[in-house]
Amino acid sequence: MNRLFFQPHQAGLSKVQAAEYTLKNINPDVQFEVHNYNITTVDNFQHFMDRISNGGLEEGKPIDLVLSCVDNFEARMAINTACNELGQIWMESGVSENAVSGHIQLLIPGETACFACAPPLVVAANIDEKTLKREGVCAASLPTTMGVVAGILVQNVLKYLLNFGTVSYYLGYNAMQDFFPTMAMKPNPQCSDKNCRTQQEIYKKKEAAQPKQVVIEQEEEIVHEDNDWGIELVSEVSEEELQAASGPIPNLPEGITVAYTIPSKEENAAAEETVAESEESLEELMAKMKNI
């Protein structure tokens, strides 16, 4: 984050304070509420949940969306736990340690997979990620990759809040190949988060209560446009001729059809006109034809 907006005169400030000052200079009409604390502690977590529930533009109302831009799994799991318990929609984002890939993800409790439904190996194995840090080694950082991921995240937020375009459930970014994979993940019925399982049941009941829409497919009638020349499209082959030129239809599984059939050789031979054999030579036959 410091590589995106920290300025030299802000040295010594926390990230949230520096972010507030920088953003206020860009747009002084935006209201900011800054909390510089660790959300993974019990007291701070409760306050964090309270601000989600009551920190909307109208005091006492819930917020519209949570955006996760944290840099560790412990904080992500805390956000995931809070949003699952409150049924709060949120978006998660991140950049890999090699700084050449990243992703964004929309998480709707009960409808899509939460962060605990398909956790990274570090989370699934209960590994303390602090033990993975090597002394003197810092994760790579490319502000360009962070800028791309941040831009994709904000674009997705605008589409979601303003209701336009297609909102991505998951969109990745691979800077090495300029590859943008996208997919949607369903929630895990055996998710380790009990609130996620509860939200799944709530979503199923809500879906079951919705009236089912029946889609009736109707074949469109082929209409030939009129033209000034009186030209009509008429098949030169009659139905009888098509039937005669078709072969037997094989037994196929349901849903599979053949584009055409080949008539058997016996039927062809019977249908074709044959000329009676003659003992006359070719020269004699040619002479007869000339006289016709």
C-alpha atoms as a PDB file:
ATOM      1  CA  MET A   1       0.000   0.000   0.000  1.00  0.00           C
ATOM      2  CA  ASN A   2       2.845   2.380   0.805  1.00  0.00           C
ATOM      3  CA  ARG A   3       4.115   1.993  -2.764  1.00  0.00           C
ATOM      4  CA  LEU A   4       0.799   3.311  -4.088  1.00  0.00           C
ATOM      5  CA  PHE A   5       0.223   6.498  -2.104  1.00  0.00           C
ATOM      6  CA  PHE A   6       2.766   7.027   0.703  1.00  0.00           C
ATOM      7  CA  GLN A   7       4.577  10.322   0.196  1.00  0.00           C
ATOM      8  CA  PRO A   8       7.924  11.384   1.757  1.00  0.00           C
ATOM      9  CA  HIS A   9       6.390  13.958   4.116  1.00  0.00           C
ATOM     10  CA  GLN A  10       4.092  11.228   5.529  1.00  0.00           C
ATOM     11  CA  ALA A  11       6.992   9.223   6.982  1.00  0.00           C
ATOM     12  CA  GLY A  12       6.097   7.954  10.437  1.00  0.00           C
ATOM     13  CA  LEU A  13       2.343   7.886   9.835  1.00  0.00           C
ATOM     14  CA  SER A  14       0.372   4.646   9.905  1.00  0.00           C
ATOM     15  CA  LYS A  15      -0.948   3.313   6.613  1.00  0.00           C
ATOM     16  CA  VAL A  16      -4.538   4.221   7.453  1.00  0.00           C
ATOM     17  CA  GLN A  17      -3.592   7.790   8.416  1.00  0.00           C
ATOM     18  CA  ALA A  18      -1.507   8.249   5.274  1.00  0.00           C
ATOM     19  CA  ALA A  19      -4.354   6.810   3.183  1.00  0.00           C
ATOM     20  CA  GLU A  20      -6.848   9.224   4.764  1.00  0.00           C
ATOM     21  CA  TYR A  21      -4.665  12.303   4.143  1.00  0.00           C
ATOM     22  CA  THR A  22      -3.861  11.326   0.552  1.00  0.00           C
ATOM     23  CA  LEU A  23      -7.467  10.525  -0.338  1.00  0.00           C
ATOM     24  CA  LYS A  24      -8.801  13.682   1.332  1.00  0.00           C
ATOM     25  CA  ASN A  25      -6.493  15.723  -0.869  1.00  0.00           C
ATOM     26  CA  ILE A  26      -7.939  13.969  -3.919  1.00  0.00           C
ATOM     27  CA  ASN A  27     -11.588  14.348  -2.846  1.00  0.00           C
ATOM     28  CA  PRO A  28     -12.313  16.380   0.324  1.00  0.00           C
ATOM     29  CA  ASP A  29     -16.061  15.586   0.074  1.00  0.00           C
ATOM     30  CA  VAL A  30     -15.571  11.922   1.037  1.00  0.00           C
ATOM     31  CA  GLN A  31     -16.088  11.003   4.701  1.00  0.00           C
ATOM     32  CA  PHE A  32     -13.442   8.762   6.286  1.00  0.00           C
ATOM     33  CA  GLU A  33     -13.513   6.763   9.510  1.00  0.00           C
ATOM     34  CA  VAL A  34     -10.029   5.602  10.482  1.00  0.00           C
ATOM     35  CA  HIS A  35      -9.202   2.793  12.936  1.00  0.00           C
ATOM     36  CA  ASN A  36      -5.568   1.800  13.317  1.00  0.00           C
ATOM     37  CA  TYR A  37      -5.738  -1.594  15.024  1.00  0.00           C
ATOM     38  CA  ASN A  38      -5.295  -5.346  14.587  1.00  0.00           C
ATOM     39  CA  ILE A  39      -8.714  -6.878  13.791  1.00  0.00           C
ATOM     40  CA  THR A  40      -7.587 -10.379  14.838  1.00  0.00           C
ATOM     41  CA  THR A  41      -7.649  -9.550  18.570  1.00  0.00           C
ATOM     42  CA  VAL A  42     -10.899 -10.210  20.482  1.00  0.00           C
ATOM     43  CA  ASP A  43     -11.700  -6.606  21.454  1.00  0.00           C
ATOM     44  CA  ASN A  44     -10.839  -5.125  18.066  1.00  0.00           C
ATOM     45  CA  PHE A  45     -12.749  -7.890  16.263  1.00  0.00           C
ATOM     46  CA  GLN A  46     -15.931  -7.038  18.177  1.00  0.00           C
ATOM     47  CA  HIS A  47     -15.523  -3.359  17.335  1.00  0.00           C
ATOM     48  CA  PHE A  48     -14.879  -4.285  13.697  1.00  0.00           C
ATOM     49  CA  MET A  49     -18.139  -6.283  13.588  1.00  0.00           C
ATOM     50  CA  ASP A  50     -20.000  -3.406  15.219  1.00  0.00           C
ATOM     51  CA  ARG A  51     -18.829  -0.956  12.543  1.00  0.00           C
ATOM     52  CA  ILE A  52     -19.947  -3.386   9.803  1.00  0.00           C
ATOM     53  CA  SER A  53     -23.389  -3.603  11.399  1.00  0.00           C
ATOM     54  CA  ASN A  54     -23.807   0.092  12.272  1.00  0.00           C
ATOM     55  CA  GLY A  55     -21.279   2.037  10.215  1.00  0.00           C
ATOM     56  CA  GLY A  56     -23.374   2.855   7.151  1.00  0.00           C
ATOM     57  CA  LEU A  57     -23.865   6.367   5.789  1.00  0.00           C
ATOM     58  CA  GLU A  58     -26.946   6.490   7.997  1.00  0.00           C
ATOM     59  CA  GLU A  59     -25.688   5.802  11.525  1.00  0.00           C
ATOM     60  CA  GLY A  60     -27.067   2.548  12.921  1.00  0.00           C
ATOM     61  CA  LYS A  61     -27.487   0.993   9.474  1.00  0.00           C
ATOM     62  CA  PRO A  62     -25.189  -1.715   8.082  1.00  0.00           C
ATOM     63  CA  ILE A  63     -22.592  -0.875   5.464  1.00  0.00           C
ATOM     64  CA  ASP A  64     -23.057  -1.848   1.800  1.00  0.00           C
ATOM     65  CA  LEU A  65     -19.811  -3.700   1.147  1.00  0.00           C
ATOM     66  CA  VAL A  66     -16.546  -4.736   2.798  1.00  0.00           C
ATOM     67  CA  LEU A  67     -13.317  -4.568   0.783  1.00  0.00           C
ATOM     68  CA  SER A  68     -10.425  -6.687   2.015  1.00  0.00           C
ATOM     69  CA  CYS A  69      -6.985  -5.360   1.035  1.00  0.00           C
ATOM     70  CA  VAL A  70      -4.967  -6.988   3.825  1.00  0.00           C
ATOM     71  CA  ASP A  71      -1.637  -8.771   3.359  1.00  0.00           C
ATOM     72  CA  ASN A  72      -1.953 -11.841   5.593  1.00  0.00           C
ATOM     73  CA  PHE A  73      -4.240 -14.872   5.926  1.00  0.00           C
ATOM     74  CA  GLU A  74      -5.024 -14.314   9.625  1.00  0.00           C
ATOM     75  CA  ALA A  75      -6.668 -10.960   8.890  1.00  0.00           C
ATOM     76  CA  ARG A  76      -8.524 -12.438   5.892  1.00  0.00           C
ATOM     77  CA  MET A  77      -9.951 -15.203   8.070  1.00  0.00           C
ATOM     78  CA  ALA A  78     -11.079 -12.615  10.637  1.00  0.00           C
ATOM     79  CA  ILE A  79     -12.927 -10.670   7.927  1.00  0.00           C
ATOM     80  CA  ASN A  80     -14.389 -13.926   6.579  1.00  0.00           C
ATOM     81  CA  THR A  81     -15.636 -14.926  10.047  1.00  0.00           C
ATOM     82  CA  ALA A  82     -17.245 -11.537  10.667  1.00  0.00           C
ATOM     83  CA  CYS A  83     -18.966 -11.400   7.272  1.00  0.00           C
ATOM     84  CA  ASN A  84     -20.271 -14.977   7.556  1.00  0.00           C
ATOM     85  CA  GLU A  85     -21.730 -14.280  10.993  1.00  0.00           C
ATOM     86  CA  LEU A  86     -23.391 -11.049   9.840  1.00  0.00           C
ATOM     87  CA  GLY A  87     -24.340 -12.236   6.327  1.00  0.00           C
ATOM     88  CA  GLN A  88     -22.287  -9.357   4.932  1.00  0.00           C
ATOM     89  CA  ILE A  89     -21.212  -9.373   1.273  1.00  0.00           C
ATOM     90  CA  TRP A  90     -17.523  -8.586   0.800  1.00  0.00           C
ATOM     91  CA  MET A  91     -14.753  -8.564  -1.798  1.00  0.00           C
ATOM     92  CA  GLU A  92     -11.311  -9.991  -1.204  1.00  0.00           C
ATOM     93  CA  SER A  93      -8.146  -9.080  -3.100  1.00  0.00           C
ATOM     94  CA  GLY A  94      -4.483  -9.923  -2.955  1.00  0.00           C
ATOM     95  CA  VAL A  95      -1.112  -9.994  -4.710  1.00  0.00           C
ATOM     96  CA  SER A  96       1.230 -12.991  -4.592  1.00  0.00           C
ATOM     97  CA  GLU A  97       4.600 -12.918  -2.850  1.00  0.00           C
ATOM     98  CA  ASN A  98       6.425 -12.939  -6.186  1.00  0.00           C
ATOM     99  CA  ALA A  99       4.453  -9.786  -7.125  1.00  0.00           C
ATOM    100  CA  VAL A 100       3.570 -10.977 -10.642  1.00  0.00           C
ATOM    101  CA  SER A 101       0.064 -12.278 -10.015  1.00  0.00           C
ATOM    102  CA  GLY A 102      -3.023 -11.345  -8.047  1.00  0.00           C
ATOM    103  CA  HIS A 103      -6.772 -11.798  -7.823  1.00  0.00           C
ATOM    104  CA  ILE A 104     -10.084 -10.374  -6.674  1.00  0.00           C
ATOM    105  CA  GLN A 105     -13.055 -12.360  -5.348  1.00  0.00           C
ATOM    106  CA  LEU A 106     -16.702 -11.598  -4.546  1.00  0.00           C
ATOM    107  CA  LEU A 107     -17.961 -13.505  -1.504  1.00  0.00           C
ATOM    108  CA  ILE A 108     -21.712 -13.714  -0.844  1.00  0.00           C
ATOM    109  CA  PRO A 109     -22.347 -15.708   2.367  1.00  0.00           C
ATOM    110  CA  GLY A 110     -24.306 -18.865   1.614  1.00  0.00           C
ATOM    111  CA  GLU A 111     -24.298 -18.359  -2.148  1.00  0.00           C
ATOM    112  CA  THR A 112     -20.599 -18.464  -3.042  1.00  0.00           C
ATOM    113  CA  ALA A 113     -17.588 -20.114  -1.445  1.00  0.00           C
ATOM    114  CA  CYS A 114     -16.232 -18.250   1.559  1.00  0.00           C
ATOM    115  CA  PHE A 115     -12.518 -17.965   2.313  1.00  0.00           C
ATOM    116  CA  ALA A 116     -12.727 -21.029   4.580  1.00  0.00           C
ATOM    117  CA  CYS A 117     -14.537 -23.196   1.992  1.00  0.00           C
ATOM    118  CA  ALA A 118     -11.372 -23.632  -0.087  1.00  0.00           C
ATOM    119  CA  PRO A 119      -8.591 -22.212   2.090  1.00  0.00           C
ATOM    120  CA  PRO A 120      -4.932 -21.853   1.064  1.00  0.00           C
ATOM    121  CA  LEU A 121      -2.609 -24.607   2.304  1.00  0.00           C
ATOM    122  CA  VAL A 122      -1.218 -22.366   5.056  1.00  0.00           C
ATOM    123  CA  VAL A 123      -4.708 -21.928   6.520  1.00  0.00           C
ATOM    124  CA  ALA A 124      -5.872 -25.522   5.962  1.00  0.00           C
ATOM    125  CA  ALA A 125      -2.771 -26.949   7.655  1.00  0.00           C
ATOM    126  CA  ASN A 126      -3.024 -24.508  10.613  1.00  0.00           C
ATOM    127  CA  ILE A 127       0.486 -23.271   9.933  1.00  0.00           C
ATOM    128  CA  ASP A 128       1.522 -20.068  11.675  1.00  0.00           C
ATOM    129  CA  GLU A 129       2.401 -17.909   8.711  1.00  0.00           C
ATOM    130  CA  LYS A 130       4.825 -15.898  10.877  1.00  0.00           C
ATOM    131  CA  THR A 131       7.062 -18.988  10.910  1.00  0.00           C
ATOM    132  CA  LEU A 132       7.259 -18.867   7.104  1.00  0.00           C
ATOM    133  CA  LYS A 133       8.982 -15.484   7.106  1.00  0.00           C
ATOM    134  CA  ARG A 134      12.690 -15.849   6.484  1.00  0.00           C
ATOM    135  CA  GLU A 135      14.950 -13.408   8.276  1.00  0.00           C
ATOM    136  CA  GLY A 136      16.300 -10.740   5.977  1.00  0.00           C
ATOM    137  CA  VAL A 137      14.020 -11.819   3.114  1.00  0.00           C
ATOM    138  CA  CYS A 138      11.176  -9.521   2.059  1.00  0.00           C
ATOM    139  CA  ALA A 139       8.352 -10.430  -0.309  1.00  0.00           C
ATOM    140  CA  ALA A 140       8.748  -8.968  -3.781  1.00  0.00           C
ATOM    141  CA  SER A 141       6.666  -5.934  -4.650  1.00  0.00           C
ATOM    142  CA  LEU A 142       5.627  -4.365  -7.944  1.00  0.00           C
ATOM    143  CA  PRO A 143       3.414  -1.276  -7.634  1.00  0.00           C
ATOM    144  CA  THR A 144       2.256  -1.908 -11.212  1.00  0.00           C
ATOM    145  CA  THR A 145       0.806  -5.318 -10.270  1.00  0.00           C
ATOM    146  CA  MET A 146      -0.812  -3.796  -7.180  1.00  0.00           C
ATOM    147  CA  GLY A 147      -2.228  -0.984  -9.300  1.00  0.00           C
ATOM    148  CA  VAL A 148      -3.732  -3.423 -11.816  1.00  0.00           C
ATOM    149  CA  VAL A 149      -5.347  -5.558  -9.079  1.00  0.00           C
ATOM    150  CA  ALA A 150      -6.602  -2.446  -7.246  1.00  0.00           C
ATOM    151  CA  GLY A 151      -8.109  -1.118 -10.490  1.00  0.00           C
ATOM    152  CA  ILE A 152      -9.875  -4.439 -11.196  1.00  0.00           C
ATOM    153  CA  LEU A 153     -11.207  -4.500  -7.626  1.00  0.00           C
ATOM    154  CA  VAL A 154     -12.606  -0.961  -7.812  1.00  0.00           C
ATOM    155  CA  GLN A 155     -14.147  -1.653 -11.236  1.00  0.00           C
ATOM    156  CA  ASN A 156     -15.894  -4.707  -9.797  1.00  0.00           C
ATOM    157  CA  VAL A 157     -17.113  -2.642  -6.831  1.00  0.00           C
ATOM    158  CA  LEU A 158     -18.627  -0.002  -9.121  1.00  0.00           C
ATOM    159  CA  LYS A 159     -20.399  -2.641 -11.214  1.00  0.00           C
ATOM    160  CA  TYR A 160     -21.790  -4.254  -8.075  1.00  0.00           C
ATOM    161  CA  LEU A 161     -22.939  -1.052  -6.342  1.00  0.00           C
ATOM    162  CA  LEU A 162     -24.225   0.714  -9.466  1.00  0.00           C
ATOM    163  CA  ASN A 163     -25.709  -2.451 -10.998  1.00  0.00           C
ATOM    164  CA  PHE A 164     -24.188  -2.492 -14.467  1.00  0.00           C
ATOM    165  CA  GLY A 165     -22.159  -4.974 -16.497  1.00  0.00           C
ATOM    166  CA  THR A 166     -21.123  -8.406 -15.251  1.00  0.00           C
ATOM    167  CA  VAL A 167     -19.780  -8.611 -11.704  1.00  0.00           C
ATOM    168  CA  SER A 168     -16.893 -11.110 -11.459  1.00  0.00           C
ATOM    169  CA  TYR A 169     -17.065 -13.718  -8.715  1.00  0.00           C
ATOM    170  CA  TYR A 170     -13.365 -14.473  -9.132  1.00  0.00           C
ATOM    171  CA  LEU A 171     -10.907 -12.795 -11.478  1.00  0.00           C
ATOM    172  CA  GLY A 172      -7.199 -13.566 -11.466  1.00  0.00           C
ATOM    173  CA  TYR A 173      -4.287 -11.707 -13.026  1.00  0.00           C
ATOM    174  CA  ASN A 174      -1.034 -13.262 -14.244  1.00  0.00           C
ATOM    175  CA  ALA A 175       1.374 -10.500 -15.195  1.00  0.00           C
ATOM    176  CA  MET A 176       3.855 -12.875 -16.863  1.00  0.00           C
ATOM    177  CA  GLN A 177       1.385 -13.964 -19.577  1.00  0.00           C
ATOM    178  CA  ASP A 178      -1.220 -11.155 -19.206  1.00  0.00           C
ATOM    179  CA  PHE A 179      -3.718 -13.898 -18.400  1.00  0.00           C
ATOM    180  CA  PHE A 180      -7.024 -13.147 -16.638  1.00  0.00           C
ATOM    181  CA  PRO A 181      -8.686 -16.419 -15.463  1.00  0.00           C
ATOM    182  CA  THR A 182     -12.242 -16.149 -14.166  1.00  0.00           C
ATOM    183  CA  MET A 183     -14.552 -18.607 -12.420  1.00  0.00           C
ATOM    184  CA  ALA A 184     -17.275 -18.967  -9.783  1.00  0.00           C
ATOM    185  CA  MET A 185     -16.974 -21.243  -6.736  1.00  0.00           C
ATOM    186  CA  LYS A 186     -19.911 -22.789  -4.900  1.00  0.00           C
ATOM    187  CA  PRO A 187     -19.812 -23.016  -1.096  1.00  0.00           C
ATOM    188  CA  ASN A 188     -18.489 -26.150   0.572  1.00  0.00           C
ATOM    189  CA  PRO A 189     -21.269 -27.998   2.498  1.00  0.00           C
ATOM    190  CA  GLN A 190     -18.561 -29.247   4.908  1.00  0.00           C
ATOM    191  CA  CYS A 191     -17.012 -25.801   5.431  1.00  0.00           C
ATOM    192  CA  SER A 192     -15.151 -25.465   8.735  1.00  0.00           C
ATOM    193  CA  ASP A 193     -16.959 -22.171   9.448  1.00  0.00           C
ATOM    194  CA  LYS A 194     -20.315 -22.996  11.089  1.00  0.00           C
ATOM    195  CA  ASN A 195     -21.715 -19.574  10.149  1.00  0.00           C
ATOM    196  CA  CYS A 196     -20.969 -20.322   6.485  1.00  0.00           C
ATOM    197  CA  ARG A 197     -22.949 -23.573   6.752  1.00  0.00           C
ATOM    198  CA  THR A 198     -25.800 -21.662   8.414  1.00  0.00           C
ATOM    199  CA  GLN A 199     -25.787 -19.067   5.627  1.00  0.00           C
ATOM    200  CA  GLN A 200     -25.910 -21.886   3.065  1.00  0.00           C
ATOM    201  CA  GLU A 201     -29.107 -23.234   4.631  1.00  0.00           C
ATOM    202  CA  ILE A 202     -30.650 -19.762   4.667  1.00  0.00           C
ATOM    203  CA  TYR A 203     -29.791 -19.317   0.987  1.00  0.00           C
ATOM    204  CA  LYS A 204     -31.292 -22.727   0.068  1.00  0.00           C
ATOM    205  CA  LYS A 205     -34.570 -21.871   1.817  1.00  0.00           C
ATOM    206  CA  LYS A 206     -34.691 -18.492   0.088  1.00  0.00           C
ATOM    207  CA  GLU A 207     -34.110 -20.100  -3.305  1.00  0.00           C
ATOM    208  CA  ALA A 208     -36.764 -22.756  -2.643  1.00  0.00           C
ATOM    209  CA  ALA A 209     -39.300 -20.037  -1.819  1.00  0.00           C
ATOM    210  CA  GLN A 210     -38.713 -18.303  -5.151  1.00  0.00           C
ATOM    211  CA  PRO A 211     -41.239 -19.192  -7.892  1.00  0.00           C
ATOM    212  CA  LYS A 212     -39.675 -21.443 -10.499  1.00  0.00           C
ATOM    213  CA  GLN A 213     -39.422 -19.959 -13.955  1.00  0.00           C
ATOM    214  CA  VAL A 214     -40.407 -22.325 -16.760  1.00  0.00           C
ATOM    215  CA  VAL A 215     -38.672 -21.626 -20.039  1.00  0.00           C
ATOM    216  CA  ILE A 216     -40.741 -22.655 -23.076  1.00  0.00           C
ATOM    217  CA  GLU A 217     -38.774 -22.962 -26.269  1.00  0.00           C
ATOM    218  CA  GLN A 218     -40.702 -22.078 -29.391  1.00  0.00           C
ATOM    219  CA  GLU A 219     -39.518 -22.756 -32.891  1.00  0.00           C
ATOM    220  CA  GLU A 220     -39.323 -19.612 -34.919  1.00  0.00           C
ATOM    221  CA  GLU A 221     -41.236 -19.703 -38.163  1.00  0.00           C
ATOM    222  CA  ILE A 222     -38.981 -19.172 -41.156  1.00  0.00           C
ATOM    223  CA  VAL A 223     -40.144 -16.092 -42.982  1.00  0.00           C
ATOM    224  CA  HIS A 224     -38.681 -15.076 -46.307  1.00  0.00           C
ATOM    225  CA  GLU A 225     -38.583 -11.352 -46.844  1.00  0.00           C
ATOM    226  CA  ASP A 226     -40.535  -9.958 -49.781  1.00  0.00           C
ATOM    227  CA  ASN A 227     -38.517  -8.448 -52.604  1.00  0.00           C
ATOM    228  CA  ASP A 228     -39.173  -6.361 -55.693  1.00  0.00           C
ATOM    229  CA  TRP A 229     -38.237  -9.152 -58.091  1.00  0.00           C
ATOM    230  CA  GLY A 230     -40.677 -11.822 -56.912  1.00  0.00           C
ATOM    231  CA  ILE A 231     -37.873 -14.230 -56.113  1.00  0.00           C
ATOM    232  CA  GLU A 232     -38.905 -17.151 -53.913  1.00  0.00           C
ATOM    233  CA  LEU A 233     -36.820 -19.818 -52.252  1.00  0.00           C
ATOM    234  CA  VAL A 234     -38.177 -23.163 -53.382  1.00  0.00           C
ATOM    235  CA  SER A 235     -36.472 -26.493 -52.830  1.00  0.00           C
ATOM    236  CA  GLU A 236     -35.651 -28.335 -56.022  1.00  0.00           C
ATOM    237  CA  VAL A 237     -35.950 -31.645 -54.219  1.00  0.00           C
ATOM    238  CA  SER A 238     -39.345 -32.988 -53.169  1.00  0.00           C
ATOM    239  CA  GLU A 239     -40.016 -34.754 -49.874  1.00  0.00           C
ATOM    240  CA  GLU A 240     -40.417 -38.058 -51.737  1.00  0.00           C
ATOM    241  CA  GLU A 241     -37.018 -37.641 -53.376  1.00  0.00           C
ATOM    242  CA  LEU A 242     -35.433 -36.850 -50.016  1.00  0.00           C
ATOM    243  CA  GLN A 243     -36.971 -39.948 -48.483  1.00  0.00           C
ATOM    244  CA  ALA A 244     -35.770 -42.074 -51.401  1.00  0.00           C
ATOM    245  CA  ALA A 245     -32.225 -40.691 -51.084  1.00  0.00           C
ATOM    246  CA  SER A 246     -32.038 -41.323 -47.335  1.00  0.00           C
ATOM    247  CA  GLY A 247     -30.865 -44.457 -45.646  1.00  0.00           C
ATOM    248  CA  PRO A 248     -31.925 -46.129 -42.416  1.00  0.00           C
ATOM    249  CA  ILE A 249     -31.525 -44.037 -39.226  1.00  0.00           C
ATOM    250  CA  PRO A 250     -29.315 -45.812 -36.648  1.00  0.00           C
ATOM    251  CA  ASN A 251     -30.355 -46.221 -33.005  1.00  0.00           C
ATOM    252  CA  LEU A 252     -28.589 -43.448 -31.094  1.00  0.00           C
ATOM    253  CA  PRO A 253     -28.686 -42.249 -27.463  1.00  0.00           C
ATOM    254  CA  GLU A 254     -31.228 -39.554 -26.634  1.00  0.00           C
ATOM    255  CA  GLY A 255     -30.126 -36.090 -27.717  1.00  0.00           C
ATOM    256  CA  ILE A 256     -27.860 -37.283 -30.560  1.00  0.00           C
ATOM    257  CA  THR A 257     -28.957 -37.039 -34.178  1.00  0.00           C
ATOM    258  CA  VAL A 258     -27.300 -37.636 -37.530  1.00  0.00           C
ATOM    259  CA  ALA A 259     -26.806 -34.861 -40.069  1.00  0.00           C
ATOM    260  CA  TYR A 260     -27.607 -37.196 -42.970  1.00  0.00           C
ATOM    261  CA  THR A 261     -27.959 -40.888 -43.794  1.00  0.00           C
ATOM    262  CA  ILE A 262     -26.374 -42.941 -46.542  1.00  0.00           C
ATOM    263  CA  PRO A 263     -28.709 -45.205 -48.552  1.00  0.00           C
ATOM    264  CA  SER A 264     -27.652 -48.841 -48.808  1.00  0.00           C
ATOM    265  CA  LYS A 265     -26.005 -50.061 -51.972  1.00  0.00           C
ATOM    266  CA  GLU A 266     -28.795 -52.605 -52.574  1.00  0.00           C
ATOM    267  CA  GLU A 267     -31.446 -49.856 -52.580  1.00  0.00           C
ATOM    268  CA  ASN A 268     -29.335 -47.783 -54.960  1.00  0.00           C
ATOM    269  CA  ALA A 269     -28.870 -50.661 -57.282  1.00  0.00           C
ATOM    270  CA  ALA A 270     -32.602 -51.395 -57.310  1.00  0.00           C
ATOM    271  CA  ALA A 271     -33.523 -47.776 -57.927  1.00  0.00           C
ATOM    272  CA  GLU A 272     -31.059 -47.180 -60.748  1.00  0.00           C
ATOM    273  CA  GLU A 273     -32.158 -47.892 -64.347  1.00  0.00           C
ATOM    274  CA  THR A 274     -30.189 -50.650 -66.006  1.00  0.00           C
ATOM    275  CA  VAL A 275     -29.493 -51.245 -69.684  1.00  0.00           C
ATOM    276  CA  ALA A 276     -29.911 -54.733 -71.102  1.00  0.00           C
ATOM    277  CA  GLU A 277     -26.753 -56.469 -72.177  1.00  0.00           C
ATOM    278  CA  SER A 278     -26.018 -56.538 -75.921  1.00  0.00           C
ATOM    279  CA  GLU A 279     -23.607 -58.508 -78.097  1.00  0.00           C
ATOM    280  CA  GLU A 280     -23.115 -55.517 -80.406  1.00  0.00           C
ATOM    281  CA  SER A 281     -19.698 -53.960 -80.508  1.00  0.00           C
ATOM    282  CA  LEU A 282     -18.976 -50.374 -79.419  1.00  0.00           C
ATOM    283  CA  GLU A 283     -18.506 -49.268 -83.052  1.00  0.00           C
ATOM    284  CA  GLU A 284     -21.922 -50.653 -83.965  1.00  0.00           C
ATOM    285  CA  LEU A 285     -23.584 -48.889 -81.059  1.00  0.00           C
ATOM    286  CA  MET A 286     -21.845 -45.598 -81.994  1.00  0.00           C
ATOM    287  CA  ALA A 287     -23.088 -45.928 -85.550  1.00  0.00           C
ATOM    288  CA  LYS A 288     -26.666 -46.392 -84.285  1.00  0.00           C
ATOM    289  CA  MET A 289     -26.402 -43.264 -82.174  1.00  0.00           C
ATOM    290  CA  LYS A 290     -25.246 -41.223 -85.158  1.00  0.00           C
ATOM    291  CA  ASN A 291     -28.289 -42.308 -87.115  1.00  0.00           C
ATOM    292  CA  ILE A 292     -30.728 -41.212 -84.393  1.00  0.00           C
END
